[in-house]
PDB file of N, CA and C in Angstrom:
ATOM      1  N   MET A   1       1.715 -20.635 -16.531  1.00  0.00           N
ATOM      2  CA  MET A   1       2.140 -20.129 -15.239  1.00  0.00           C
ATOM      3  C   MET A   1       2.479 -18.640 -15.355  1.00  0.00           C
ATOM      4  N   ALA A   2       2.163 -17.851 -14.354  1.00  0.00           N
ATOM      5  CA  ALA A   2       2.390 -16.413 -14.368  1.00  0.00           C
ATOM      6  C   ALA A   2       3.871 -16.077 -14.254  1.00  0.00           C
ATOM      7  N   ARG A   3       4.220 -14.943 -14.808  1.00  0.00           N
ATOM      8  CA  ARG A   3       5.598 -14.478 -14.726  1.00  0.00           C
ATOM      9  C   ARG A   3       5.925 -14.122 -13.281  1.00  0.00           C
ATOM     10  N   LEU A   4       7.063 -14.575 -12.790  1.00  0.00           N
ATOM     11  CA  LEU A   4       7.441 -14.317 -11.406  1.00  0.00           C
ATOM     12  C   LEU A   4       8.145 -12.976 -11.314  1.00  0.00           C
ATOM     13  N   GLU A   5       7.740 -12.192 -10.347  1.00  0.00           N
ATOM     14  CA  GLU A   5       8.310 -10.878 -10.158  1.00  0.00           C
ATOM     15  C   GLU A   5       9.379 -10.904  -9.062  1.00  0.00           C
ATOM     16  N   SER A   6       9.066 -11.556  -7.960  1.00  0.00           N
ATOM     17  CA  SER A   6       9.993 -11.565  -6.831  1.00  0.00           C
ATOM     18  C   SER A   6       9.649 -12.708  -5.891  1.00  0.00           C
ATOM     19  N   ALA A   7      10.340 -12.733  -4.760  1.00  0.00           N
ATOM     20  CA  ALA A   7      10.066 -13.731  -3.741  1.00  0.00           C
ATOM     21  C   ALA A   7       9.428 -13.049  -2.534  1.00  0.00           C
ATOM     22  N   CYS A   8       8.623 -13.801  -1.810  1.00  0.00           N
ATOM     23  CA  CYS A   8       7.978 -13.292  -0.598  1.00  0.00           C
ATOM     24  C   CYS A   8       9.038 -12.962   0.439  1.00  0.00           C
ATOM     25  N   GLN A   9       8.887 -11.823   1.103  1.00  0.00           N
ATOM     26  CA  GLN A   9       9.840 -11.419   2.131  1.00  0.00           C
ATOM     27  C   GLN A   9       9.655 -12.210   3.408  1.00  0.00           C
ATOM     28  N   ASN A  10       8.495 -12.844   3.579  1.00  0.00           N
ATOM     29  CA  ASN A  10       8.195 -13.591   4.788  1.00  0.00           C
ATOM     30  C   ASN A  10       8.636 -15.056   4.682  1.00  0.00           C
ATOM     31  N   CYS A  11       8.270 -15.728   3.559  1.00  0.00           N
ATOM     32  CA  CYS A  11       8.535 -17.163   3.453  1.00  0.00           C
ATOM     33  C   CYS A  11       9.418 -17.536   2.266  1.00  0.00           C
ATOM     34  N   SER A  12       9.843 -16.574   1.470  1.00  0.00           N
ATOM     35  CA  SER A  12      10.696 -16.754   0.305  1.00  0.00           C
ATOM     36  C   SER A  12      10.049 -17.550  -0.823  1.00  0.00           C
ATOM     37  N   ALA A  13       8.750 -17.725  -0.809  1.00  0.00           N
ATOM     38  CA  ALA A  13       8.049 -18.393  -1.904  1.00  0.00           C
ATOM     39  C   ALA A  13       7.954 -17.433  -3.087  1.00  0.00           C
ATOM     40  N   PRO A  14       7.931 -17.935  -4.309  1.00  0.00           N
ATOM     41  CA  PRO A  14       7.790 -17.050  -5.479  1.00  0.00           C
ATOM     42  C   PRO A  14       6.440 -16.334  -5.462  1.00  0.00           C
ATOM     43  N   VAL A  15       6.452 -15.062  -5.810  1.00  0.00           N
ATOM     44  CA  VAL A  15       5.240 -14.243  -5.843  1.00  0.00           C
ATOM     45  C   VAL A  15       5.015 -13.810  -7.283  1.00  0.00           C
ATOM     46  N   ALA A  16       3.819 -14.033  -7.808  1.00  0.00           N
ATOM     47  CA  ALA A  16       3.490 -13.678  -9.182  1.00  0.00           C
ATOM     48  C   ALA A  16       3.447 -12.162  -9.343  1.00  0.00           C
ATOM     49  N   ALA A  17       3.717 -11.719 -10.563  1.00  0.00           N
ATOM     50  CA  ALA A  17       3.664 -10.289 -10.863  1.00  0.00           C
ATOM     51  C   ALA A  17       2.262  -9.763 -10.634  1.00  0.00           C
ATOM     52  N   GLY A  18       2.126  -8.661  -9.920  1.00  0.00           N
ATOM     53  CA  GLY A  18       0.839  -8.051  -9.651  1.00  0.00           C
ATOM     54  C   GLY A  18       0.080  -8.649  -8.477  1.00  0.00           C
ATOM     55  N   ALA A  19       0.650  -9.626  -7.806  1.00  0.00           N
ATOM     56  CA  ALA A  19      -0.030 -10.243  -6.662  1.00  0.00           C
ATOM     57  C   ALA A  19      -0.028  -9.280  -5.483  1.00  0.00           C
ATOM     58  N   VAL A  20      -1.115  -9.288  -4.740  1.00  0.00           N
ATOM     59  CA  VAL A  20      -1.237  -8.434  -3.560  1.00  0.00           C
ATOM     60  C   VAL A  20      -0.745  -9.159  -2.319  1.00  0.00           C
ATOM     61  N   PHE A  21      -1.017 -10.484  -2.253  1.00  0.00           N
ATOM     62  CA  PHE A  21      -0.607 -11.302  -1.121  1.00  0.00           C
ATOM     63  C   PHE A  21       0.147 -12.521  -1.610  1.00  0.00           C
ATOM     64  N   CYS A  22       0.995 -13.070  -0.750  1.00  0.00           N
ATOM     65  CA  CYS A  22       1.704 -14.317  -1.038  1.00  0.00           C
ATOM     66  C   CYS A  22       0.682 -15.452  -0.995  1.00  0.00           C
ATOM     67  N   GLU A  23       0.722 -16.332  -1.999  1.00  0.00           N
ATOM     68  CA  GLU A  23      -0.231 -17.441  -2.043  1.00  0.00           C
ATOM     69  C   GLU A  23       0.076 -18.505  -0.994  1.00  0.00           C
ATOM     70  N   LYS A  24       1.321 -18.568  -0.529  1.00  0.00           N
ATOM     71  CA  LYS A  24       1.714 -19.607   0.424  1.00  0.00           C
ATOM     72  C   LYS A  24       1.404 -19.209   1.869  1.00  0.00           C
ATOM     73  N   CYS A  25       1.851 -18.006   2.268  1.00  0.00           N
ATOM     74  CA  CYS A  25       1.703 -17.626   3.685  1.00  0.00           C
ATOM     75  C   CYS A  25       0.700 -16.504   3.921  1.00  0.00           C
ATOM     76  N   GLY A  26       0.257 -15.815   2.871  1.00  0.00           N
ATOM     77  CA  GLY A  26      -0.727 -14.751   3.028  1.00  0.00           C
ATOM     78  C   GLY A  26      -0.154 -13.410   3.405  1.00  0.00           C
ATOM     79  N   ALA A  27       1.155 -13.284   3.469  1.00  0.00           N
ATOM     80  CA  ALA A  27       1.789 -12.002   3.809  1.00  0.00           C
ATOM     81  C   ALA A  27       1.597 -11.023   2.651  1.00  0.00           C
ATOM     82  N   PRO A  28       1.500  -9.732   2.933  1.00  0.00           N
ATOM     83  CA  PRO A  28       1.383  -8.742   1.852  1.00  0.00           C
ATOM     84  C   PRO A  28       2.598  -8.802   0.936  1.00  0.00           C
ATOM     85  N   ALA A  29       2.372  -8.616  -0.360  1.00  0.00           N
ATOM     86  CA  ALA A  29       3.470  -8.591  -1.324  1.00  0.00           C
ATOM     87  C   ALA A  29       4.273  -7.313  -1.128  1.00  0.00           C
ATOM     88  N   ALA A  30       5.423  -7.246  -1.744  1.00  0.00           N
ATOM     89  CA  ALA A  30       6.285  -6.061  -1.616  1.00  0.00           C
ATOM     90  C   ALA A  30       5.517  -4.815  -2.032  1.00  0.00           C
ATOM     91  N   SER A  31       5.761  -3.729  -1.335  1.00  0.00           N
ATOM     92  CA  SER A  31       5.056  -2.481  -1.619  1.00  0.00           C
ATOM     93  C   SER A  31       5.501  -1.909  -2.955  1.00  0.00           C
ATOM     94  N   GLY A  32       4.579  -1.227  -3.604  1.00  0.00           N
ATOM     95  CA  GLY A  32       4.863  -0.632  -4.891  1.00  0.00           C
ATOM     96  C   GLY A  32       4.367   0.794  -4.924  1.00  0.00           C
ATOM     97  N   PRO A  33       4.213   1.352  -6.122  1.00  0.00           N
ATOM     98  CA  PRO A  33       3.775   2.734  -6.240  1.00  0.00           C
ATOM     99  C   PRO A  33       2.369   2.957  -5.680  1.00  0.00           C
ATOM    100  N   GLN A  34       1.551   1.892  -5.634  1.00  0.00           N
ATOM    101  CA  GLN A  34       0.212   2.016  -5.096  1.00  0.00           C
ATOM    102  C   GLN A  34       0.254   2.462  -3.627  1.00  0.00           C
ATOM    103  N   ASP A  35       1.222   1.971  -2.854  1.00  0.00           N
ATOM    104  CA  ASP A  35       1.346   2.360  -1.448  1.00  0.00           C
ATOM    105  C   ASP A  35       1.714   3.824  -1.310  1.00  0.00           C
ATOM    106  N   LYS A  36       2.565   4.325  -2.174  1.00  0.00           N
ATOM    107  CA  LYS A  36       2.962   5.722  -2.092  1.00  0.00           C
ATOM    108  C   LYS A  36       1.772   6.632  -2.387  1.00  0.00           C
ATOM    109  N   GLN A  37       0.958   6.262  -3.348  1.00  0.00           N
ATOM    110  CA  GLN A  37      -0.211   7.047  -3.682  1.00  0.00           C
ATOM    111  C   GLN A  37      -1.184   7.072  -2.519  1.00  0.00           C
ATOM    112  N   SER A  38      -1.427   5.936  -1.886  1.00  0.00           N
ATOM    113  CA  SER A  38      -2.381   5.896  -0.788  1.00  0.00           C
ATOM    114  C   SER A  38      -1.844   6.660   0.423  1.00  0.00           C
ATOM    115  N   ALA A  39      -0.531   6.730   0.585  1.00  0.00           N
ATOM    116  CA  ALA A  39       0.030   7.509   1.690  1.00  0.00           C
ATOM    117  C   ALA A  39      -0.274   8.987   1.496  1.00  0.00           C
ATOM    118  N   GLY A  40      -0.168   9.465   0.276  1.00  0.00           N
ATOM    119  CA  GLY A  40      -0.499  10.860  -0.002  1.00  0.00           C
ATOM    120  C   GLY A  40      -1.958  11.158   0.240  1.00  0.00           C
ATOM    121  N   ILE A  41      -2.805  10.237  -0.149  1.00  0.00           N
ATOM    122  CA  ILE A  41      -4.243  10.421   0.061  1.00  0.00           C
ATOM    123  C   ILE A  41      -4.555  10.413   1.557  1.00  0.00           C
ATOM    124  N   ASN A  42      -3.887   9.554   2.318  1.00  0.00           N
ATOM    125  CA  ASN A  42      -4.104   9.515   3.771  1.00  0.00           C
ATOM    126  C   ASN A  42      -3.695  10.828   4.424  1.00  0.00           C
ATOM    127  N   ILE A  43      -2.590  11.394   3.993  1.00  0.00           N
ATOM    128  CA  ILE A  43      -2.140  12.674   4.561  1.00  0.00           C
ATOM    129  C   ILE A  43      -3.148  13.778   4.243  1.00  0.00           C
ATOM    130  N   LEU A  44      -3.601  13.818   2.978  1.00  0.00           N
ATOM    131  CA  LEU A  44      -4.585  14.844   2.604  1.00  0.00           C
ATOM    132  C   LEU A  44      -5.890  14.671   3.367  1.00  0.00           C
ATOM    133  N   SER A  45      -6.338  13.451   3.532  1.00  0.00           N
ATOM    134  CA  SER A  45      -7.602  13.242   4.229  1.00  0.00           C
ATOM    135  C   SER A  45      -7.481  13.568   5.717  1.00  0.00           C
ATOM    136  N   PHE A  46      -6.269  13.608   6.228  1.00  0.00           N
ATOM    137  CA  PHE A  46      -6.058  14.032   7.620  1.00  0.00           C
ATOM    138  C   PHE A  46      -5.987  15.549   7.717  1.00  0.00           C
ATOM    139  N   LEU A  47      -5.331  16.190   6.744  1.00  0.00           N
ATOM    140  CA  LEU A  47      -5.113  17.639   6.826  1.00  0.00           C
ATOM    141  C   LEU A  47      -6.327  18.472   6.434  1.00  0.00           C
ATOM    142  N   ILE A  48      -7.106  18.025   5.466  1.00  0.00           N
ATOM    143  CA  ILE A  48      -8.232  18.832   4.989  1.00  0.00           C
ATOM    144  C   ILE A  48      -9.249  19.126   6.091  1.00  0.00           C
ATOM    145  N   PRO A  49      -9.660  18.150   6.904  1.00  0.00           N
ATOM    146  CA  PRO A  49     -10.583  18.509   8.007  1.00  0.00           C
ATOM    147  C   PRO A  49      -9.944  19.466   9.017  1.00  0.00           C
ATOM    148  N   LEU A  50      -8.654  19.325   9.271  1.00  0.00           N
ATOM    149  CA  LEU A  50      -7.995  20.245  10.207  1.00  0.00           C
ATOM    150  C   LEU A  50      -8.003  21.668   9.674  1.00  0.00           C
ATOM    151  N   ILE A  51      -7.795  21.828   8.389  1.00  0.00           N
ATOM    152  CA  ILE A  51      -7.841  23.164   7.781  1.00  0.00           C
ATOM    153  C   ILE A  51      -9.248  23.725   7.868  1.00  0.00           C
ATOM    154  N   GLY A  52     -10.245  22.875   7.614  1.00  0.00           N
ATOM    155  CA  GLY A  52     -11.637  23.317   7.715  1.00  0.00           C
ATOM    156  C   GLY A  52     -12.000  23.762   9.117  1.00  0.00           C
ATOM    157  N   ILE A  53     -11.562  23.031  10.115  1.00  0.00           N
ATOM    158  CA  ILE A  53     -11.833  23.415  11.513  1.00  0.00           C
ATOM    159  C   ILE A  53     -11.134  24.715  11.843  1.00  0.00           C
ATOM    160  N   GLY A  54      -9.914  24.868  11.370  1.00  0.00           N
ATOM    161  CA  GLY A  54      -9.179  26.122  11.606  1.00  0.00           C
ATOM    162  C   GLY A  54      -9.866  27.298  10.965  1.00  0.00           C
ATOM    163  N   LEU A  55     -10.369  27.136   9.749  1.00  0.00           N
ATOM    164  CA  LEU A  55     -11.079  28.232   9.088  1.00  0.00           C
ATOM    165  C   LEU A  55     -12.408  28.523   9.746  1.00  0.00           C
ATOM    166  N   PHE A  56     -13.049  27.530  10.329  1.00  0.00           N
ATOM    167  CA  PHE A  56     -14.322  27.729  11.013  1.00  0.00           C
ATOM    168  C   PHE A  56     -14.173  28.668  12.212  1.00  0.00           C
ATOM    169  N   PHE A  57     -13.058  28.527  12.921  1.00  0.00           N
ATOM    170  CA  PHE A  57     -12.862  29.333  14.124  1.00  0.00           C
ATOM    171  C   PHE A  57     -12.213  30.673  13.862  1.00  0.00           C
ATOM    172  N   VAL A  58     -11.849  30.975  12.643  1.00  0.00           N
ATOM    173  CA  VAL A  58     -11.216  32.255  12.333  1.00  0.00           C
ATOM    174  C   VAL A  58     -12.236  33.310  12.063  1.00  0.00           C
TER     175      VAL A  58
END
């Protein structure tokens, strides 16, 4: 059996370490450093085209 990391925030079922979704209810597992990294990438992917458009009109 896998090592348990935490409980699901939705249904309180045990969630295995490294799981993305709860096996019982399908809710996303608790957010980790992966979410913070993707937030930074989302911000950059929004700002880079805006900078390009601004430079195009200058």
